[in-house]
N, C-alpha and C. Protein backbone atom coordinates (compact mmCIF):
# COMPACT_ATOMS: atom_id res chain seq x y z
N MET A 1 58.13 72.25 97.29
CA MET A 1 57.60 73.58 97.57
C MET A 1 58.68 74.62 97.25
N ALA A 2 58.25 75.71 96.64
CA ALA A 2 59.19 76.76 96.23
C ALA A 2 59.65 77.58 97.43
N LYS A 3 60.90 78.03 97.34
CA LYS A 3 61.48 78.93 98.34
C LYS A 3 61.57 80.31 97.71
N VAL A 4 61.27 81.34 98.47
CA VAL A 4 61.44 82.71 98.01
C VAL A 4 62.65 83.28 98.74
N LEU A 5 63.63 83.75 97.97
CA LEU A 5 64.89 84.24 98.54
C LEU A 5 65.20 85.65 98.09
N LYS A 6 65.68 86.46 99.01
CA LYS A 6 66.11 87.83 98.70
C LYS A 6 67.43 87.75 97.93
N VAL A 7 67.51 88.54 96.85
CA VAL A 7 68.72 88.55 96.03
C VAL A 7 69.48 89.86 96.18
N ALA A 8 68.78 90.98 96.03
CA ALA A 8 69.45 92.28 96.03
C ALA A 8 68.44 93.39 96.26
N ALA A 9 68.96 94.56 96.57
CA ALA A 9 68.11 95.75 96.61
C ALA A 9 67.83 96.17 95.17
N VAL A 10 66.63 96.67 94.92
CA VAL A 10 66.27 97.15 93.58
C VAL A 10 67.28 98.17 93.09
N THR A 11 67.78 99.02 93.99
CA THR A 11 68.73 100.08 93.62
C THR A 11 70.08 99.53 93.17
N GLU A 12 70.37 98.28 93.50
CA GLU A 12 71.64 97.66 93.09
C GLU A 12 71.66 97.33 91.60
N LEU A 13 70.47 97.26 90.99
CA LEU A 13 70.35 96.91 89.58
C LEU A 13 69.53 97.97 88.85
N PRO A 14 70.17 99.06 88.42
CA PRO A 14 69.43 100.09 87.70
C PRO A 14 68.93 99.56 86.35
N PRO A 15 67.92 100.21 85.76
CA PRO A 15 67.42 99.77 84.46
C PRO A 15 68.56 99.62 83.44
N GLY A 16 68.50 98.54 82.67
CA GLY A 16 69.52 98.28 81.66
C GLY A 16 70.74 97.55 82.18
N SER A 17 70.68 97.09 83.43
CA SER A 17 71.84 96.39 84.00
C SER A 17 71.51 94.94 84.32
N MET A 18 72.56 94.16 84.50
CA MET A 18 72.41 92.76 84.89
C MET A 18 73.61 92.37 85.72
N LYS A 19 73.42 91.36 86.56
CA LYS A 19 74.48 90.92 87.46
C LYS A 19 74.24 89.47 87.82
N THR A 20 75.34 88.73 88.03
CA THR A 20 75.25 87.34 88.45
C THR A 20 75.36 87.25 89.97
N PHE A 21 74.47 86.45 90.56
CA PHE A 21 74.46 86.23 92.00
C PHE A 21 74.59 84.74 92.27
N ASP A 22 75.31 84.40 93.34
CA ASP A 22 75.40 83.01 93.80
C ASP A 22 74.29 82.82 94.83
N ILE A 23 73.28 82.06 94.46
CA ILE A 23 72.13 81.85 95.33
C ILE A 23 72.04 80.36 95.64
N GLU A 24 72.39 80.03 96.86
CA GLU A 24 72.39 78.64 97.31
C GLU A 24 73.17 77.73 96.36
N GLY A 25 74.33 78.22 95.92
CA GLY A 25 75.20 77.43 95.05
C GLY A 25 74.84 77.46 93.57
N LYS A 26 73.80 78.21 93.20
CA LYS A 26 73.42 78.36 91.80
C LYS A 26 73.81 79.76 91.35
N LEU A 27 74.43 79.85 90.18
CA LEU A 27 74.74 81.16 89.62
C LEU A 27 73.54 81.61 88.79
N ILE A 28 72.92 82.70 89.24
CA ILE A 28 71.69 83.19 88.61
C ILE A 28 71.88 84.63 88.18
N LEU A 29 71.53 84.89 86.93
CA LEU A 29 71.61 86.22 86.35
C LEU A 29 70.31 86.96 86.66
N ILE A 30 70.43 88.16 87.19
CA ILE A 30 69.27 89.03 87.41
C ILE A 30 69.46 90.24 86.50
N ALA A 31 68.43 90.55 85.72
CA ALA A 31 68.49 91.68 84.80
C ALA A 31 67.30 92.60 85.04
N ASN A 32 67.55 93.91 84.93
CA ASN A 32 66.51 94.92 85.05
C ASN A 32 66.28 95.50 83.66
N VAL A 33 65.12 95.20 83.10
CA VAL A 33 64.76 95.71 81.78
C VAL A 33 63.62 96.71 81.97
N ASP A 34 63.97 97.98 82.00
CA ASP A 34 62.99 99.06 82.18
C ASP A 34 62.10 98.84 83.40
N GLY A 35 62.71 98.41 84.51
CA GLY A 35 61.98 98.24 85.75
C GLY A 35 61.33 96.87 85.93
N VAL A 36 61.43 96.02 84.91
CA VAL A 36 60.94 94.64 85.02
C VAL A 36 62.17 93.75 85.25
N PHE A 37 62.12 92.94 86.29
CA PHE A 37 63.27 92.11 86.65
C PHE A 37 63.07 90.68 86.16
N TYR A 38 64.14 90.14 85.58
CA TYR A 38 64.15 88.77 85.07
C TYR A 38 65.28 88.01 85.75
N ALA A 39 65.07 86.70 85.92
CA ALA A 39 66.09 85.84 86.52
C ALA A 39 66.22 84.58 85.67
N MET A 40 67.47 84.20 85.41
CA MET A 40 67.75 83.06 84.55
C MET A 40 69.11 82.49 84.96
N ASP A 41 69.34 81.20 84.71
CA ASP A 41 70.67 80.65 84.95
C ASP A 41 71.70 81.54 84.28
N ALA A 42 72.81 81.79 84.96
CA ALA A 42 73.79 82.77 84.49
C ALA A 42 74.86 82.20 83.56
N ILE A 43 74.97 80.88 83.49
CA ILE A 43 76.06 80.28 82.72
C ILE A 43 75.53 79.74 81.40
N CYS A 44 76.13 80.22 80.31
CA CYS A 44 75.76 79.81 78.96
C CYS A 44 75.92 78.29 78.83
N SER A 45 74.93 77.64 78.26
CA SER A 45 74.97 76.18 78.13
C SER A 45 75.88 75.71 76.99
N HIS A 46 76.43 76.64 76.23
CA HIS A 46 77.31 76.26 75.12
C HIS A 46 78.75 76.12 75.57
N GLU A 47 79.33 77.22 76.06
CA GLU A 47 80.74 77.18 76.47
C GLU A 47 80.96 77.66 77.90
N GLU A 48 79.90 77.70 78.67
CA GLU A 48 79.96 78.01 80.10
C GLU A 48 80.51 79.39 80.44
N TRP A 49 80.19 80.38 79.64
CA TRP A 49 80.53 81.77 79.95
C TRP A 49 79.48 82.34 80.89
N ASP A 50 79.92 83.27 81.74
CA ASP A 50 79.00 84.01 82.61
C ASP A 50 78.29 85.05 81.74
N LEU A 51 76.99 84.93 81.61
CA LEU A 51 76.24 85.82 80.72
C LEU A 51 76.27 87.28 81.17
N SER A 52 76.57 87.55 82.44
CA SER A 52 76.64 88.95 82.89
C SER A 52 77.81 89.69 82.25
N GLU A 53 78.74 88.95 81.65
CA GLU A 53 79.86 89.56 80.93
C GLU A 53 79.46 89.96 79.51
N GLY A 54 78.26 89.58 79.11
CA GLY A 54 77.78 89.88 77.77
C GLY A 54 77.04 91.20 77.70
N MET A 55 76.15 91.31 76.71
CA MET A 55 75.44 92.56 76.47
C MET A 55 73.93 92.34 76.62
N LEU A 56 73.29 93.27 77.31
CA LEU A 56 71.84 93.24 77.51
C LEU A 56 71.19 94.21 76.54
N GLU A 57 70.26 93.69 75.72
CA GLU A 57 69.49 94.52 74.79
C GLU A 57 68.04 94.11 74.92
N GLY A 58 67.25 94.96 75.56
CA GLY A 58 65.86 94.60 75.81
C GLY A 58 65.82 93.35 76.68
N THR A 59 65.04 92.37 76.27
CA THR A 59 64.94 91.12 77.04
C THR A 59 65.90 90.05 76.51
N HIS A 60 66.94 90.48 75.80
CA HIS A 60 67.90 89.53 75.24
C HIS A 60 69.31 89.79 75.78
N VAL A 61 70.01 88.69 76.08
CA VAL A 61 71.39 88.76 76.55
C VAL A 61 72.26 88.06 75.51
N THR A 62 73.31 88.75 75.07
CA THR A 62 74.25 88.16 74.13
C THR A 62 75.47 87.68 74.89
N CYS A 63 75.81 86.41 74.72
CA CYS A 63 76.97 85.81 75.38
C CYS A 63 78.25 86.42 74.82
N ALA A 64 79.14 86.85 75.72
CA ALA A 64 80.42 87.43 75.31
C ALA A 64 81.35 86.38 74.70
N GLY A 65 81.11 85.12 75.01
CA GLY A 65 81.99 84.05 74.55
C GLY A 65 81.85 83.71 73.08
N HIS A 66 80.62 83.57 72.61
CA HIS A 66 80.44 83.13 71.23
C HIS A 66 79.25 83.78 70.54
N GLY A 67 78.60 84.73 71.21
CA GLY A 67 77.56 85.51 70.57
C GLY A 67 76.16 84.92 70.58
N ALA A 68 75.94 83.83 71.30
CA ALA A 68 74.57 83.29 71.39
C ALA A 68 73.68 84.32 72.08
N VAL A 69 72.45 84.41 71.61
CA VAL A 69 71.49 85.38 72.15
C VAL A 69 70.41 84.61 72.92
N TRP A 70 70.26 84.97 74.19
CA TRP A 70 69.32 84.28 75.08
C TRP A 70 68.15 85.20 75.42
N ASP A 71 66.94 84.65 75.43
CA ASP A 71 65.74 85.39 75.80
C ASP A 71 65.51 85.23 77.30
N LEU A 72 65.56 86.33 78.03
CA LEU A 72 65.37 86.30 79.48
C LEU A 72 63.98 85.80 79.88
N ARG A 73 63.00 85.97 79.01
CA ARG A 73 61.63 85.57 79.33
C ARG A 73 61.43 84.06 79.28
N THR A 74 62.18 83.40 78.39
CA THR A 74 61.96 81.96 78.17
C THR A 74 63.18 81.09 78.49
N GLY A 75 64.37 81.69 78.50
CA GLY A 75 65.60 80.93 78.70
C GLY A 75 66.10 80.26 77.44
N LYS A 76 65.43 80.49 76.32
CA LYS A 76 65.81 79.84 75.06
C LYS A 76 66.80 80.68 74.27
N ALA A 77 67.68 79.99 73.54
CA ALA A 77 68.58 80.67 72.62
C ALA A 77 67.75 81.11 71.42
N GLU A 78 67.93 82.33 70.99
CA GLU A 78 67.10 82.89 69.93
C GLU A 78 67.39 82.32 68.54
N PHE A 79 68.64 82.09 68.21
CA PHE A 79 68.97 81.72 66.85
C PHE A 79 69.60 80.34 66.73
N ASP A 80 69.59 79.58 67.81
CA ASP A 80 70.20 78.25 67.78
C ASP A 80 69.35 77.29 68.61
N GLU A 81 68.44 76.62 67.94
CA GLU A 81 67.51 75.70 68.61
C GLU A 81 68.23 74.54 69.29
N GLU A 82 69.46 74.25 68.89
CA GLU A 82 70.18 73.10 69.44
C GLU A 82 70.78 73.38 70.83
N LEU A 83 70.91 74.65 71.20
CA LEU A 83 71.46 74.96 72.52
C LEU A 83 70.45 74.64 73.62
N GLN A 84 70.94 74.04 74.68
CA GLN A 84 70.11 73.68 75.83
C GLN A 84 69.52 74.96 76.44
N PRO A 85 68.19 75.05 76.59
CA PRO A 85 67.59 76.23 77.23
C PRO A 85 68.09 76.39 78.67
N LEU A 86 68.11 77.62 79.13
CA LEU A 86 68.50 77.93 80.50
C LEU A 86 67.24 78.06 81.36
N LYS A 87 67.36 77.70 82.60
CA LYS A 87 66.21 77.77 83.52
C LYS A 87 65.93 79.23 83.86
N THR A 88 64.67 79.58 83.86
CA THR A 88 64.24 80.91 84.29
C THR A 88 63.56 80.79 85.65
N TYR A 89 63.52 81.90 86.36
CA TYR A 89 62.97 81.93 87.72
C TYR A 89 62.01 83.10 87.85
N LYS A 90 60.97 82.91 88.64
CA LYS A 90 60.02 83.99 88.91
C LYS A 90 60.69 85.01 89.81
N THR A 91 60.52 86.29 89.47
CA THR A 91 61.03 87.37 90.32
C THR A 91 59.86 88.07 91.01
N ILE A 92 60.14 88.58 92.18
CA ILE A 92 59.14 89.30 92.98
C ILE A 92 59.83 90.56 93.51
N LEU A 93 59.15 91.69 93.42
CA LEU A 93 59.65 92.93 94.02
C LEU A 93 58.83 93.19 95.28
N LYS A 94 59.54 93.37 96.39
CA LYS A 94 58.85 93.61 97.66
C LYS A 94 59.70 94.49 98.56
N ASP A 95 59.13 95.59 99.00
CA ASP A 95 59.81 96.50 99.93
C ASP A 95 61.20 96.91 99.43
N GLY A 96 61.31 97.20 98.14
CA GLY A 96 62.58 97.66 97.58
C GLY A 96 63.61 96.57 97.37
N GLU A 97 63.19 95.32 97.46
CA GLU A 97 64.10 94.18 97.29
C GLU A 97 63.67 93.33 96.09
N VAL A 98 64.65 92.71 95.45
CA VAL A 98 64.40 91.74 94.39
C VAL A 98 64.48 90.36 95.03
N LEU A 99 63.42 89.59 94.88
CA LEU A 99 63.36 88.22 95.40
C LEU A 99 63.19 87.28 94.21
N ILE A 100 63.66 86.04 94.36
CA ILE A 100 63.36 85.04 93.34
C ILE A 100 62.77 83.81 94.00
N GLU A 101 62.03 83.09 93.19
CA GLU A 101 61.40 81.86 93.66
C GLU A 101 62.20 80.68 93.12
N LEU A 102 62.76 79.89 94.02
CA LEU A 102 63.50 78.68 93.65
C LEU A 102 62.65 77.47 93.97
N GLU A 103 62.66 76.50 93.07
CA GLU A 103 61.90 75.26 93.31
C GLU A 103 62.83 74.17 93.75
């Protein structure tokens, strides 16, 4: 059964920003793309860089370590099919808070 956990206040992540949170021992990246919140594993599966150190462009995050581009919607690397996809998580906005669903 999935758990729903509070991550942050909506105001903590203005549009165009992203941040890594430690949620029950998992590092999870939360990104605000024009008011839509996405959640995905925060550590690049290639060289283990924290993706919050990279660049957010629309629904894509570019890893600062080696330039891999990750799609926040799917967790897949855009230009390298061989990279292990990252897990994505459902986000919920409630009472000014960002929540995620962990399974």
